[in-house]
Amino acid sequence: MKKIMVVDNEPDIVDLTRTVLEIGGYNVITAHSGEECLRLLENNKVDLVLLDIMMPGMSGWDVFNRINKQSTDIKVAFMSVLEISDKRKQVLIEEGLADYILKPFDKDTLLNRVDKILVDKE
């Protein structure tokens, strides 16, 4: 079973995302900050990190850069309310980002995007 970490400072987003992913058959662990995410990654092997960009303290950008330097095995996808240009998205993908998922998202969109990321990883 694939393991996904959901990282967002909004508890409701974390709970909703975890529920959708568990219904979709994924094993899910959660973190509520960038620092907690990095601590948990020291002892947990995950296939994908779904990461909010705008968090207090360490931003999602910072967490992504740290994960990217430490491991090429972990896919990272941003979840954000901020739209970005296709050009910026392409740059991020070239830097190793797996996907950029706009919030709010519906259940099917989230599961389809996660399934695609994890199939591409194999």
C-alpha atoms as a PDB file:
ATOM      1  CA  MET A   1       0.000   0.000   0.000  1.00  0.00           C
ATOM      2  CA  LYS A   2       1.399   3.398  -1.007  1.00  0.00           C
ATOM      3  CA  LYS A   3       2.037   5.853   1.828  1.00  0.00           C
ATOM      4  CA  ILE A   4       1.242   9.545   1.490  1.00  0.00           C
ATOM      5  CA  MET A   5       2.046  12.389   3.852  1.00  0.00           C
ATOM      6  CA  VAL A   6      -0.403  15.299   3.929  1.00  0.00           C
ATOM      7  CA  VAL A   7       1.122  18.561   5.179  1.00  0.00           C
ATOM      8  CA  ASP A   8      -1.074  21.600   5.815  1.00  0.00           C
ATOM      9  CA  ASN A   9      -1.438  24.005   8.720  1.00  0.00           C
ATOM     10  CA  GLU A  10      -5.253  23.888   8.372  1.00  0.00           C
ATOM     11  CA  PRO A  11      -6.522  20.882  10.395  1.00  0.00           C
ATOM     12  CA  ASP A  12      -9.756  20.672   8.362  1.00  0.00           C
ATOM     13  CA  ILE A  13      -7.806  20.389   5.092  1.00  0.00           C
ATOM     14  CA  VAL A  14      -5.558  17.711   6.598  1.00  0.00           C
ATOM     15  CA  ASP A  15      -8.533  15.693   7.886  1.00  0.00           C
ATOM     16  CA  LEU A  16     -10.513  15.971   4.650  1.00  0.00           C
ATOM     17  CA  THR A  17      -7.522  15.072   2.470  1.00  0.00           C
ATOM     18  CA  ARG A  18      -6.593  12.139   4.714  1.00  0.00           C
ATOM     19  CA  THR A  19     -10.166  10.794   4.598  1.00  0.00           C
ATOM     20  CA  VAL A  20     -10.357  11.011   0.794  1.00  0.00           C
ATOM     21  CA  LEU A  21      -6.977   9.310   0.377  1.00  0.00           C
ATOM     22  CA  GLU A  22      -7.818   6.539   2.853  1.00  0.00           C
ATOM     23  CA  ILE A  23     -11.083   5.881   1.000  1.00  0.00           C
ATOM     24  CA  GLY A  24      -8.934   5.689  -2.142  1.00  0.00           C
ATOM     25  CA  GLY A  25      -6.865   2.915  -0.553  1.00  0.00           C
ATOM     26  CA  TYR A  26      -3.801   4.859   0.570  1.00  0.00           C
ATOM     27  CA  ASN A  27      -1.953   4.739   3.874  1.00  0.00           C
ATOM     28  CA  VAL A  28      -1.788   8.337   5.154  1.00  0.00           C
ATOM     29  CA  ILE A  29       0.273  10.156   7.750  1.00  0.00           C
ATOM     30  CA  THR A  30      -0.164  13.828   8.513  1.00  0.00           C
ATOM     31  CA  ALA A  31       1.834  16.851   9.568  1.00  0.00           C
ATOM     32  CA  HIS A  32       0.697  20.370  10.386  1.00  0.00           C
ATOM     33  CA  SER A  33       3.941  22.238   9.666  1.00  0.00           C
ATOM     34  CA  GLY A  34       7.008  22.055   7.491  1.00  0.00           C
ATOM     35  CA  GLU A  35       9.165  21.281  10.493  1.00  0.00           C
ATOM     36  CA  GLU A  36       6.914  18.406  11.575  1.00  0.00           C
ATOM     37  CA  CYS A  37       6.954  17.057   8.007  1.00  0.00           C
ATOM     38  CA  LEU A  38      10.744  16.925   7.902  1.00  0.00           C
ATOM     39  CA  ARG A  39      10.910  15.310  11.360  1.00  0.00           C
ATOM     40  CA  LEU A  40       8.418  12.617  10.337  1.00  0.00           C
ATOM     41  CA  LEU A  41      10.277  11.920   7.098  1.00  0.00           C
ATOM     42  CA  GLU A  42      13.356  10.960   9.140  1.00  0.00           C
ATOM     43  CA  ASN A  43      11.526   7.854  10.412  1.00  0.00           C
ATOM     44  CA  ASN A  44       8.808   7.224   7.814  1.00  0.00           C
ATOM     45  CA  LYS A  45       9.204   6.104   4.235  1.00  0.00           C
ATOM     46  CA  VAL A  46       6.574   7.779   2.076  1.00  0.00           C
ATOM     47  CA  ASP A  47       5.899   7.669  -1.636  1.00  0.00           C
ATOM     48  CA  LEU A  48       4.340  11.115  -1.910  1.00  0.00           C
ATOM     49  CA  VAL A  49       4.135  14.330   0.102  1.00  0.00           C
ATOM     50  CA  LEU A  50       1.109  16.550  -0.546  1.00  0.00           C
ATOM     51  CA  LEU A  51       2.351  19.897   0.648  1.00  0.00           C
ATOM     52  CA  ASP A  52       0.638  23.218   1.261  1.00  0.00           C
ATOM     53  CA  ILE A  53       2.769  26.142   0.099  1.00  0.00           C
ATOM     54  CA  MET A  54       1.674  28.861   2.503  1.00  0.00           C
ATOM     55  CA  MET A  55       2.322  27.768   6.067  1.00  0.00           C
ATOM     56  CA  PRO A  56       3.616  29.728   9.040  1.00  0.00           C
ATOM     57  CA  GLY A  57       7.249  29.103   9.887  1.00  0.00           C
ATOM     58  CA  MET A  58       8.790  26.974   7.171  1.00  0.00           C
ATOM     59  CA  SER A  59       6.971  27.415   3.861  1.00  0.00           C
ATOM     60  CA  GLY A  60       6.112  24.606   1.508  1.00  0.00           C
ATOM     61  CA  TRP A  61       8.733  25.951  -0.910  1.00  0.00           C
ATOM     62  CA  ASP A  62      11.410  25.500   1.758  1.00  0.00           C
ATOM     63  CA  VAL A  63      10.204  22.005   2.632  1.00  0.00           C
ATOM     64  CA  PHE A  64      10.130  21.011  -1.048  1.00  0.00           C
ATOM     65  CA  ASN A  65      13.712  22.209  -1.517  1.00  0.00           C
ATOM     66  CA  ARG A  66      14.891  20.295   1.567  1.00  0.00           C
ATOM     67  CA  ILE A  67      13.138  17.078   0.493  1.00  0.00           C
ATOM     68  CA  ASN A  68      14.473  17.473  -3.036  1.00  0.00           C
ATOM     69  CA  LYS A  69      18.062  17.739  -1.779  1.00  0.00           C
ATOM     70  CA  GLN A  70      17.735  14.747   0.544  1.00  0.00           C
ATOM     71  CA  SER A  71      15.843  12.220  -1.586  1.00  0.00           C
ATOM     72  CA  THR A  72      14.890  11.563  -5.165  1.00  0.00           C
ATOM     73  CA  ASP A  73      12.614   8.704  -4.071  1.00  0.00           C
ATOM     74  CA  ILE A  74       9.952  10.955  -2.548  1.00  0.00           C
ATOM     75  CA  LYS A  75       7.522  12.669  -4.898  1.00  0.00           C
ATOM     76  CA  VAL A  76       6.188  16.065  -3.814  1.00  0.00           C
ATOM     77  CA  ALA A  77       3.027  17.780  -5.033  1.00  0.00           C
ATOM     78  CA  PHE A  78       1.954  21.240  -3.935  1.00  0.00           C
ATOM     79  CA  MET A  79      -1.614  21.898  -2.825  1.00  0.00           C
ATOM     80  CA  SER A  80      -2.441  25.583  -2.967  1.00  0.00           C
ATOM     81  CA  VAL A  81      -5.190  28.153  -3.416  1.00  0.00           C
ATOM     82  CA  LEU A  82      -2.734  30.223  -5.481  1.00  0.00           C
ATOM     83  CA  GLU A  83      -2.907  29.799  -9.226  1.00  0.00           C
ATOM     84  CA  ILE A  84       0.434  29.887 -10.993  1.00  0.00           C
ATOM     85  CA  SER A  85       1.299  30.314 -14.626  1.00  0.00           C
ATOM     86  CA  ASP A  86       1.917  27.304 -16.840  1.00  0.00           C
ATOM     87  CA  LYS A  87       5.461  28.589 -17.316  1.00  0.00           C
ATOM     88  CA  ARG A  88       6.110  28.637 -13.539  1.00  0.00           C
ATOM     89  CA  LYS A  89       4.509  25.201 -13.178  1.00  0.00           C
ATOM     90  CA  GLN A  90       6.822  23.847 -15.892  1.00  0.00           C
ATOM     91  CA  VAL A  91       9.871  25.238 -14.067  1.00  0.00           C
ATOM     92  CA  LEU A  92       8.738  23.568 -10.845  1.00  0.00           C
ATOM     93  CA  ILE A  93       8.243  20.248 -12.620  1.00  0.00           C
ATOM     94  CA  GLU A  94      11.731  20.530 -14.094  1.00  0.00           C
ATOM     95  CA  GLU A  95      12.991  21.105 -10.528  1.00  0.00           C
ATOM     96  CA  GLY A  96      11.329  17.861  -9.432  1.00  0.00           C
ATOM     97  CA  LEU A  97       7.787  18.796  -8.400  1.00  0.00           C
ATOM     98  CA  ALA A  98       5.340  15.997  -9.248  1.00  0.00           C
ATOM     99  CA  ASP A  99       2.197  18.131  -9.555  1.00  0.00           C
ATOM    100  CA  TYR A 100       0.475  21.357  -8.533  1.00  0.00           C
ATOM    101  CA  ILE A 101      -3.061  20.767  -7.230  1.00  0.00           C
ATOM    102  CA  LEU A 102      -5.364  23.750  -6.787  1.00  0.00           C
ATOM    103  CA  LYS A 103      -7.504  23.971  -3.655  1.00  0.00           C
ATOM    104  CA  PRO A 104     -10.363  23.532  -3.280  1.00  0.00           C
ATOM    105  CA  PHE A 105     -10.361  20.201  -5.067  1.00  0.00           C
ATOM    106  CA  ASP A 106     -12.999  17.508  -5.232  1.00  0.00           C
ATOM    107  CA  LYS A 107     -12.503  13.894  -4.220  1.00  0.00           C
ATOM    108  CA  ASP A 108     -12.208  12.532  -7.758  1.00  0.00           C
ATOM    109  CA  THR A 109      -9.735  15.197  -8.861  1.00  0.00           C
ATOM    110  CA  LEU A 110      -7.488  14.539  -5.864  1.00  0.00           C
ATOM    111  CA  LEU A 111      -7.535  10.761  -6.288  1.00  0.00           C
ATOM    112  CA  ASN A 112      -6.959  10.950 -10.041  1.00  0.00           C
ATOM    113  CA  ARG A 113      -3.983  13.288  -9.633  1.00  0.00           C
ATOM    114  CA  VAL A 114      -2.454  11.192  -6.821  1.00  0.00           C
ATOM    115  CA  ASP A 115      -2.975   7.961  -8.786  1.00  0.00           C
ATOM    116  CA  LYS A 116      -1.241   9.511 -11.803  1.00  0.00           C
ATOM    117  CA  ILE A 117       1.734  10.731  -9.728  1.00  0.00           C
ATOM    118  CA  LEU A 118       2.219   7.334  -8.112  1.00  0.00           C
ATOM    119  CA  VAL A 119       1.866   5.419 -11.392  1.00  0.00           C
ATOM    120  CA  ASP A 120       4.462   7.737 -12.969  1.00  0.00           C
ATOM    121  CA  LYS A 121       6.751   7.009  -9.983  1.00  0.00           C
ATOM    122  CA  GLU A 122       6.866   3.248 -10.650  1.00  0.00           C
END
